[in-house]
Amino acid sequence: MASADLRQELHCSICLSIYTDPVTLRCGHNFCRVCIDRVLDTQEGCGVYTCPECRAECQERPALIRNIPLCNILGSFLSTRPDQEETGIFCTYCIHSPVPVAKSCLHCEAHLCDNHLRVHSKSVEHVFCDPTTALENRKCSVHKELFKYYCTKDAACICVSCCLIGKHRGHQMESLDEASEKKKKKLRNVLQKLTTKRADTEKRVRSLQERRREDQGTAAGVTETVTALFRDIRRQLEDLERRVLSEISRQEQRVSLSVSDLIGQLEIKKDELSGKMRHIEELCNMSDPVTVLQEPDTGNLCYTEDTERHDNQVRGAGDLDVGLISGKLHILSDIITGINRGIYVQQPTDILLDVTTAANNIQISGDRKTASRSDINQNRPVTPERFQYNQTQKDQLRIS
């Protein structure tokens, strides 16, 4: 009785259920936080807030203070009555306070606590079962009788009247326990098969996970290799660019110096020719014939050889050596070849060497993955498939 009184004190006056996250108002009354929040929301705009229990008023919305002692009491109370709170079913005959149910009577369609169960009828028609709210599911919907048999033809639970006068008359019947055991046996077989399939599925999952880890490891290795390769390619290209540009600059300086030297020589020659031209013009403007005739002969002052020599010097100064620059650029093909070698990723293989075709001067390892040249004749039998000469120019061949 004390337990029932305590339970009554733990009910929220708004939802009439056990408190959920209880909070306290200034007046001291307790409510579920959600319940009192909804009540206060409906009072918005009224100018005053009232307690649903004592109608105490306040001008501002009251602060909700969590009632920690009450929360602790609720925790202790619910932990000592797990069955009642899990099922939510109470004794049909305990009308003054809810009492946890112990059994349900299928015949009476009633729930019984321990006290009422002791005084309830023990006759055969009163069948007890674990607490349940679906008592009607255990009775025939036509005759309102408890299920007693199982019709194997229609796969249905039936009552005695169904067997005698109902639509299941003449069908093969089994007791509920017998039919239940047969179904359990089938379910166990299904469960065993499902367990095996689940184990196989888990094995496949583990295999695929291992495959994924291997692929991730391979991808990480290839990524590292390719990254290092392109880093090396960039370094080689930058180095090649510096060398080619340096060669172009060197050749440009060499040609520029040669041409500048020739330009200086030609400027001097031009000045000499200009002086001679002025002297000749002066002679041509003289009126004294004696003076003109006494001057040395200047007809051979301009030599074709000088012109040809300077032309040869200009050509000899040279142009940019495009061939040399192109030769340096041929290194690009070596870099490209290196790319093919750099991105090669060795893959696992099951290839094995064939002893029946190996020459007698080739020694095959026990795992048939390594072949090496041997000075000792292996004295293998002669077959049409066997090589009579070396199959490789290398001293050793390894299959990885």
Protein backbone atom coordinates (compact mmCIF):
# COMPACT_ATOMS: atom_id res chain seq x y z
CA MET A 1 0.00 0.00 0.00
CA ALA A 2 2.89 2.31 0.77
CA SER A 3 4.26 1.59 -2.67
CA ALA A 4 0.92 2.53 -4.24
CA ASP A 5 0.81 5.78 -2.24
CA LEU A 6 4.34 6.61 -3.31
CA ARG A 7 3.46 5.96 -6.92
CA GLN A 8 0.49 8.31 -6.63
CA GLU A 9 2.81 11.06 -5.41
CA LEU A 10 5.06 10.56 -8.43
CA HIS A 11 2.35 11.43 -10.96
CA CYS A 12 2.27 14.71 -12.84
CA SER A 13 -1.07 16.46 -12.37
CA ILE A 14 -1.07 17.55 -16.04
CA CYS A 15 -0.34 14.32 -17.97
CA LEU A 16 -1.37 11.99 -15.05
CA SER A 17 1.74 9.86 -15.71
CA ILE A 18 4.94 9.39 -13.77
CA TYR A 19 7.14 12.47 -13.86
CA THR A 20 9.54 12.90 -16.75
CA ASP A 21 12.34 15.37 -15.96
CA PRO A 22 10.41 16.97 -13.05
CA VAL A 23 10.77 20.73 -12.45
CA THR A 24 9.49 22.95 -9.64
CA LEU A 25 7.67 26.32 -9.74
CA ARG A 26 8.08 29.04 -7.11
CA CYS A 27 4.93 27.82 -5.38
CA GLY A 28 6.54 24.39 -4.80
CA HIS A 29 4.43 22.28 -7.16
CA ASN A 30 6.15 19.81 -9.50
CA PHE A 31 5.42 19.02 -13.14
CA CYS A 32 7.04 17.35 -16.12
CA ARG A 33 9.19 19.91 -17.88
CA VAL A 34 7.44 19.34 -21.22
CA CYS A 35 3.97 19.52 -19.63
CA ILE A 36 4.50 22.82 -17.79
CA ASP A 37 6.25 24.33 -20.82
CA ARG A 38 3.15 23.66 -22.92
CA VAL A 39 0.88 25.18 -20.27
CA LEU A 40 3.04 28.30 -20.01
CA ASP A 41 3.09 28.60 -23.81
CA THR A 42 -0.71 28.76 -23.83
CA GLN A 43 -0.58 31.60 -21.26
CA GLU A 44 1.66 33.76 -23.43
CA GLY A 45 0.08 37.16 -24.03
CA CYS A 46 -2.37 36.91 -21.12
CA GLY A 47 -0.27 39.22 -18.98
CA VAL A 48 -0.10 36.75 -16.11
CA TYR A 49 1.17 33.19 -15.59
CA THR A 50 -0.61 30.79 -13.18
CA CYS A 51 0.31 27.47 -11.62
CA PRO A 52 -2.02 24.68 -12.91
CA GLU A 53 -2.13 23.21 -9.39
CA CYS A 54 -2.74 26.18 -7.00
CA ARG A 55 -3.39 29.00 -9.50
CA ALA A 56 -0.57 31.09 -7.99
CA GLU A 57 0.11 34.05 -10.28
CA CYS A 58 3.29 35.79 -11.45
CA GLN A 59 3.76 38.62 -13.93
CA GLU A 60 6.79 37.13 -15.71
CA ARG A 61 7.20 33.65 -17.06
CA PRO A 62 8.47 31.58 -14.13
CA ALA A 63 11.87 29.95 -14.25
CA LEU A 64 11.76 26.15 -14.24
CA ILE A 65 14.07 24.65 -11.62
CA ARG A 66 14.94 20.97 -11.94
CA ASN A 67 13.87 19.03 -8.86
CA ILE A 68 16.97 16.93 -8.26
CA PRO A 69 15.72 15.07 -5.11
CA LEU A 70 12.53 14.09 -6.93
CA CYS A 71 14.58 12.86 -9.91
CA ASN A 72 16.60 10.66 -7.54
CA ILE A 73 13.43 9.27 -5.96
CA LEU A 74 12.04 8.47 -9.41
CA GLY A 75 15.23 6.66 -10.37
CA SER A 76 15.15 4.51 -7.23
CA PHE A 77 11.43 3.78 -7.58
CA LEU A 78 11.59 2.76 -11.25
CA SER A 79 14.68 0.60 -10.72
CA THR A 80 12.84 -1.51 -8.13
CA ARG A 81 9.79 -2.07 -10.40
CA PRO A 82 11.21 -2.87 -13.85
CA ASP A 83 8.50 -5.32 -14.90
CA GLN A 84 5.72 -2.88 -14.22
CA GLU A 85 7.35 -0.06 -16.12
CA GLU A 86 8.38 -2.27 -19.06
CA THR A 87 4.98 -3.86 -19.68
CA GLY A 88 2.74 -1.05 -18.49
CA ILE A 89 0.13 -3.71 -17.52
CA PHE A 90 -1.55 -3.66 -14.11
CA CYS A 91 -3.85 -5.96 -12.18
CA THR A 92 -7.47 -5.83 -13.37
CA TYR A 93 -8.90 -6.25 -9.85
CA CYS A 94 -6.71 -3.77 -7.97
CA ILE A 95 -8.92 -0.75 -8.56
CA HIS A 96 -7.63 1.53 -5.79
CA SER A 97 -4.04 1.68 -7.00
CA PRO A 98 -2.14 0.18 -9.95
CA VAL A 99 -0.36 -3.04 -9.00
CA PRO A 100 2.03 -4.89 -11.31
CA VAL A 101 0.57 -7.90 -13.08
CA ALA A 102 2.01 -11.39 -12.57
CA LYS A 103 -0.04 -13.50 -15.04
CA SER A 104 -2.92 -13.08 -17.46
CA CYS A 105 -5.94 -15.43 -17.55
CA LEU A 106 -6.94 -16.25 -21.14
CA HIS A 107 -10.33 -17.54 -20.12
CA CYS A 108 -11.32 -14.47 -18.10
CA GLU A 109 -9.28 -12.06 -20.23
CA ALA A 110 -8.02 -10.54 -17.00
CA HIS A 111 -4.65 -9.53 -15.58
CA LEU A 112 -3.79 -10.82 -12.11
CA CYS A 113 -1.33 -9.63 -9.51
CA ASP A 114 0.32 -12.11 -7.16
CA ASN A 115 -2.46 -11.82 -4.56
CA HIS A 116 -5.35 -12.29 -7.02
CA LEU A 117 -3.48 -15.05 -8.84
CA ARG A 118 -3.41 -17.13 -5.61
CA VAL A 119 -7.19 -16.93 -5.21
CA HIS A 120 -8.10 -17.21 -8.90
CA SER A 121 -9.86 -20.34 -10.19
CA LYS A 122 -7.52 -23.20 -11.01
CA SER A 123 -9.97 -25.08 -13.21
CA VAL A 124 -8.81 -26.43 -16.59
CA GLU A 125 -10.52 -23.77 -18.71
CA HIS A 126 -8.61 -21.03 -16.89
CA VAL A 127 -5.33 -20.90 -18.81
CA PHE A 128 -2.61 -18.57 -17.55
CA CYS A 129 0.10 -16.95 -19.64
CA ASP A 130 2.71 -14.22 -19.30
CA PRO A 131 1.30 -10.69 -19.08
CA THR A 132 -0.02 -9.56 -22.47
CA THR A 133 -2.43 -6.94 -23.76
CA ALA A 134 -3.44 -9.01 -26.82
CA LEU A 135 -5.60 -11.60 -25.09
CA GLU A 136 -8.11 -11.64 -27.96
CA ASN A 137 -5.38 -12.96 -30.27
CA ARG A 138 -5.42 -16.24 -28.31
CA LYS A 139 -9.13 -16.96 -28.91
CA CYS A 140 -11.09 -18.02 -31.96
CA SER A 141 -12.78 -15.01 -33.51
CA VAL A 142 -15.79 -17.17 -34.50
CA HIS A 143 -16.48 -19.34 -31.43
CA LYS A 144 -14.73 -17.16 -28.80
CA GLU A 145 -12.92 -20.23 -27.48
CA LEU A 146 -9.27 -20.67 -26.66
CA PHE A 147 -7.06 -22.13 -29.35
CA LYS A 148 -6.43 -25.84 -28.72
CA TYR A 149 -5.18 -27.25 -32.05
CA TYR A 150 -3.29 -26.34 -35.16
CA CYS A 151 -4.73 -27.06 -38.63
CA THR A 152 -1.85 -28.20 -40.83
CA LYS A 153 -3.88 -27.78 -44.03
CA ASP A 154 -4.82 -24.15 -43.43
CA ALA A 155 -1.81 -23.34 -41.21
CA ALA A 156 -4.03 -21.78 -38.57
CA CYS A 157 -4.61 -22.05 -34.82
CA ILE A 158 -8.16 -23.27 -34.13
CA CYS A 159 -10.46 -24.05 -31.24
CA VAL A 160 -12.33 -27.29 -30.45
CA SER A 161 -15.52 -26.10 -32.16
CA CYS A 162 -13.55 -25.41 -35.35
CA CYS A 163 -12.45 -29.06 -35.32
CA LEU A 164 -15.93 -30.45 -34.73
CA ILE A 165 -18.36 -28.17 -36.52
CA GLY A 166 -16.30 -25.43 -38.11
CA LYS A 167 -14.70 -25.04 -41.52
CA HIS A 168 -11.66 -27.01 -40.37
CA ARG A 169 -13.66 -30.19 -39.72
CA GLY A 170 -11.97 -33.25 -41.20
CA HIS A 171 -8.59 -31.54 -41.57
CA GLN A 172 -5.45 -32.96 -40.09
CA MET A 173 -4.88 -31.50 -36.65
CA GLU A 174 -1.92 -31.22 -34.29
CA SER A 175 -1.66 -30.02 -30.75
CA LEU A 176 -0.31 -26.53 -30.32
CA ASP A 177 2.81 -27.82 -28.55
CA GLU A 178 3.49 -30.42 -31.27
CA ALA A 179 2.97 -27.92 -34.07
CA SER A 180 5.08 -25.39 -32.23
CA GLU A 181 7.96 -27.86 -31.82
CA LYS A 182 7.83 -28.76 -35.53
CA LYS A 183 7.93 -25.11 -36.49
CA LYS A 184 10.76 -24.49 -34.04
CA LYS A 185 12.66 -27.37 -35.63
CA LYS A 186 12.22 -25.80 -39.07
CA LEU A 187 13.21 -22.43 -37.69
CA ARG A 188 16.33 -23.95 -36.13
CA ASN A 189 17.27 -25.42 -39.52
CA VAL A 190 16.67 -22.06 -41.15
CA LEU A 191 18.66 -20.41 -38.37
CA GLN A 192 21.54 -22.83 -38.94
CA LYS A 193 21.54 -22.10 -42.67
CA LEU A 194 21.34 -18.38 -42.04
CA THR A 195 24.17 -18.68 -39.52
CA THR A 196 26.30 -20.48 -42.12
CA LYS A 197 25.44 -17.90 -44.75
CA ARG A 198 26.22 -15.10 -42.34
CA ALA A 199 29.57 -16.70 -41.53
CA ASP A 200 30.32 -16.99 -45.26
CA THR A 201 29.24 -13.39 -45.75
CA GLU A 202 31.44 -12.25 -42.88
CA LYS A 203 34.33 -14.20 -44.40
CA ARG A 204 33.77 -12.50 -47.74
CA VAL A 205 33.55 -9.14 -46.01
CA ARG A 206 36.87 -9.78 -44.25
CA SER A 207 38.40 -10.90 -47.53
CA LEU A 208 37.16 -7.79 -49.30
CA GLN A 209 38.35 -5.60 -46.46
CA GLU A 210 41.78 -7.22 -46.70
CA ARG A 211 41.68 -6.70 -50.47
CA ARG A 212 40.75 -3.06 -49.93
CA ARG A 213 43.64 -2.60 -47.49
CA GLU A 214 46.02 -4.19 -49.99
CA ASP A 215 44.68 -1.97 -52.78
CA GLN A 216 45.02 1.07 -50.56
CA GLY A 217 48.59 0.07 -49.74
CA THR A 218 49.35 -0.50 -53.42
CA ALA A 219 47.77 2.83 -54.34
CA ALA A 220 49.78 4.57 -51.64
CA GLY A 221 52.98 2.97 -52.94
CA VAL A 222 52.19 3.89 -56.54
CA THR A 223 51.27 7.42 -55.46
CA GLU A 224 54.58 7.78 -53.67
CA THR A 225 56.45 6.39 -56.67
CA VAL A 226 54.68 8.64 -59.16
CA THR A 227 55.13 11.68 -56.90
CA ALA A 228 58.85 10.98 -56.59
CA LEU A 229 59.05 10.34 -60.34
CA PHE A 230 57.42 13.63 -61.28
CA ARG A 231 59.53 15.43 -58.71
CA ASP A 232 62.61 13.96 -60.36
CA ILE A 233 61.23 14.82 -63.82
CA ARG A 234 60.68 18.42 -62.77
CA ARG A 235 64.21 18.53 -61.39
CA GLN A 236 65.64 17.08 -64.61
CA LEU A 237 63.57 19.43 -66.77
CA GLU A 238 64.62 22.44 -64.71
CA ASP A 239 68.25 21.33 -64.95
CA LEU A 240 67.90 20.77 -68.71
CA GLU A 241 66.24 24.16 -69.09
CA ARG A 242 69.11 25.83 -67.25
CA ARG A 243 71.70 24.05 -69.37
CA VAL A 244 69.97 24.80 -72.68
CA LEU A 245 69.40 28.45 -71.76
CA SER A 246 73.01 28.68 -70.55
CA GLU A 247 74.21 27.21 -73.86
CA ILE A 248 72.06 29.64 -75.83
CA SER A 249 73.37 32.54 -73.73
CA ARG A 250 76.99 31.34 -74.17
CA GLN A 251 76.62 31.02 -77.92
CA GLU A 252 74.86 34.39 -78.11
CA GLN A 253 77.72 36.03 -76.19
CA ARG A 254 80.32 34.34 -78.38
CA VAL A 255 78.62 35.43 -81.60
CA SER A 256 77.96 38.88 -80.19
CA LEU A 257 81.61 39.33 -79.23
CA SER A 258 82.81 38.18 -82.66
CA VAL A 259 80.38 40.43 -84.46
CA SER A 260 81.23 43.36 -82.17
CA ASP A 261 84.92 42.83 -82.92
CA LEU A 262 84.25 42.82 -86.65
CA ILE A 263 82.07 45.89 -86.30
CA GLY A 264 84.98 47.68 -84.60
CA GLN A 265 87.38 46.64 -87.36
CA LEU A 266 84.94 47.75 -90.02
CA GLU A 267 84.40 51.08 -88.28
CA ILE A 268 88.16 51.67 -88.37
CA LYS A 269 88.25 50.63 -92.00
CA LYS A 270 85.33 52.93 -92.71
CA ASP A 271 87.16 55.85 -91.12
CA GLU A 272 90.27 55.08 -93.20
CA LEU A 273 88.19 54.93 -96.36
CA SER A 274 86.46 58.16 -95.47
CA GLY A 275 89.87 59.90 -95.09
CA LYS A 276 91.08 58.58 -98.41
CA MET A 277 87.83 59.62 -100.04
CA ARG A 278 88.27 63.17 -98.76
CA HIS A 279 91.88 63.25 -100.03
CA ILE A 280 90.82 62.05 -103.46
CA GLU A 281 88.03 64.62 -103.55
CA GLU A 282 90.59 67.32 -102.73
CA LEU A 283 92.81 66.10 -105.61
CA CYS A 284 89.84 66.12 -107.90
CA ASN A 285 89.11 69.73 -106.95
CA MET A 286 92.69 70.94 -107.52
CA SER A 287 93.40 73.09 -110.56
CA ASP A 288 97.14 72.51 -110.49
CA PRO A 289 97.87 69.51 -112.73
CA VAL A 290 101.43 69.12 -111.46
CA THR A 291 100.23 68.57 -107.91
CA VAL A 292 97.67 66.05 -109.06
CA LEU A 293 100.19 64.12 -111.09
CA GLN A 294 102.79 64.07 -108.36
CA GLU A 295 100.40 62.32 -105.91
CA PRO A 296 100.82 58.53 -105.63
CA ASP A 297 98.45 56.44 -107.66
CA THR A 298 95.29 55.74 -105.56
CA GLY A 299 93.49 53.45 -107.98
CA ASN A 300 94.41 50.36 -106.02
CA LEU A 301 93.31 51.64 -102.63
CA CYS A 302 90.13 49.56 -102.53
CA TYR A 303 90.84 45.87 -102.71
CA THR A 304 88.26 43.27 -103.39
CA GLU A 305 90.21 40.94 -101.13
CA ASP A 306 89.50 43.17 -98.15
CA THR A 307 85.79 42.99 -98.81
CA GLU A 308 85.87 39.24 -99.23
CA ARG A 309 88.01 38.85 -96.12
CA HIS A 310 85.61 40.83 -94.00
CA ASP A 311 82.69 38.90 -95.44
CA ASN A 312 84.42 35.67 -94.51
CA GLN A 313 85.09 37.05 -91.05
CA VAL A 314 81.41 37.88 -90.65
CA ARG A 315 80.45 34.39 -91.73
CA GLY A 316 83.20 32.96 -89.56
CA ALA A 317 81.75 34.66 -86.53
CA GLY A 318 79.12 31.93 -86.76
CA ASP A 319 75.47 31.63 -85.89
CA LEU A 320 73.83 29.94 -82.95
CA ASP A 321 74.71 26.23 -82.94
CA VAL A 322 71.15 24.94 -83.27
CA GLY A 323 72.43 21.39 -83.66
CA LEU A 324 74.14 21.50 -80.28
CA ILE A 325 71.01 22.91 -78.66
CA SER A 326 68.87 20.23 -80.31
CA GLY A 327 71.29 17.61 -79.06
CA LYS A 328 70.78 18.76 -75.50
CA LEU A 329 67.02 18.68 -76.02
CA HIS A 330 67.31 15.01 -77.02
CA ILE A 331 67.74 14.37 -73.29
CA LEU A 332 63.96 14.77 -73.15
CA SER A 333 63.59 11.38 -74.80
CA ASP A 334 65.74 9.86 -72.06
CA ILE A 335 63.52 11.49 -69.45
CA ILE A 336 60.42 10.09 -71.15
CA THR A 337 62.03 6.64 -71.22
CA GLY A 338 62.75 7.03 -67.53
CA ILE A 339 59.07 7.76 -66.92
CA ASN A 340 58.12 4.35 -68.32
CA ARG A 341 60.65 2.69 -66.07
CA GLY A 342 59.67 4.78 -63.07
CA ILE A 343 55.95 4.09 -63.13
CA TYR A 344 56.37 0.32 -63.53
CA VAL A 345 54.75 -1.41 -60.61
CA GLN A 346 55.67 -5.00 -60.07
CA GLN A 347 52.59 -7.19 -59.91
CA PRO A 348 52.31 -10.59 -58.26
CA THR A 349 52.51 -13.44 -60.69
CA ASP A 350 52.28 -17.19 -60.68
CA ILE A 351 54.59 -17.64 -63.71
CA LEU A 352 57.09 -20.46 -63.19
CA LEU A 353 60.04 -21.55 -65.33
CA ASP A 354 59.56 -24.71 -67.41
CA VAL A 355 62.29 -27.25 -66.68
CA THR A 356 61.34 -29.30 -69.77
CA THR A 357 62.45 -26.49 -72.09
CA ALA A 358 65.57 -25.28 -70.24
CA ALA A 359 68.95 -25.89 -71.84
CA ASN A 360 71.46 -28.10 -70.06
CA ASN A 361 73.68 -25.15 -69.13
CA ILE A 362 70.80 -23.40 -67.35
CA GLN A 363 70.20 -24.23 -63.69
CA ILE A 364 66.62 -23.83 -62.41
CA SER A 365 65.96 -23.13 -58.71
CA GLY A 366 63.73 -25.38 -56.65
CA ASP A 367 60.84 -22.89 -56.67
CA ARG A 368 61.23 -22.56 -60.47
CA LYS A 369 61.47 -18.78 -60.22
CA THR A 370 65.18 -18.28 -60.77
CA ALA A 371 67.37 -19.37 -63.68
CA SER A 372 71.15 -18.96 -63.75
CA ARG A 373 73.92 -20.00 -66.10
CA SER A 374 75.86 -23.05 -64.94
CA ASP A 375 79.17 -24.52 -66.10
CA ILE A 376 77.93 -27.94 -65.06
CA ASN A 377 75.94 -29.87 -67.63
CA GLN A 378 72.52 -30.64 -66.18
CA ASN A 379 72.21 -33.77 -68.39
CA ARG A 380 68.50 -33.28 -68.96
CA PRO A 381 66.85 -35.71 -71.40
CA VAL A 382 66.60 -34.52 -74.99
CA THR A 383 63.06 -33.48 -75.89
CA PRO A 384 61.65 -31.62 -78.92
CA GLU A 385 60.72 -28.71 -76.67
CA ARG A 386 64.15 -28.30 -75.01
CA PHE A 387 66.37 -25.39 -76.00
CA GLN A 388 69.84 -26.39 -77.13
CA TYR A 389 71.31 -22.90 -76.56
CA ASN A 390 71.05 -20.14 -73.99
CA GLN A 391 67.63 -18.57 -73.73
CA THR A 392 69.05 -15.30 -72.34
CA GLN A 393 72.13 -13.19 -72.75
CA LYS A 394 72.12 -12.38 -69.06
CA ASP A 395 73.83 -14.51 -66.45
CA GLN A 396 70.71 -14.64 -64.31
CA LEU A 397 66.96 -14.32 -64.80
CA ARG A 398 64.56 -14.02 -61.90
CA ILE A 399 60.79 -14.27 -62.10
CA SER A 400 59.26 -12.23 -59.25
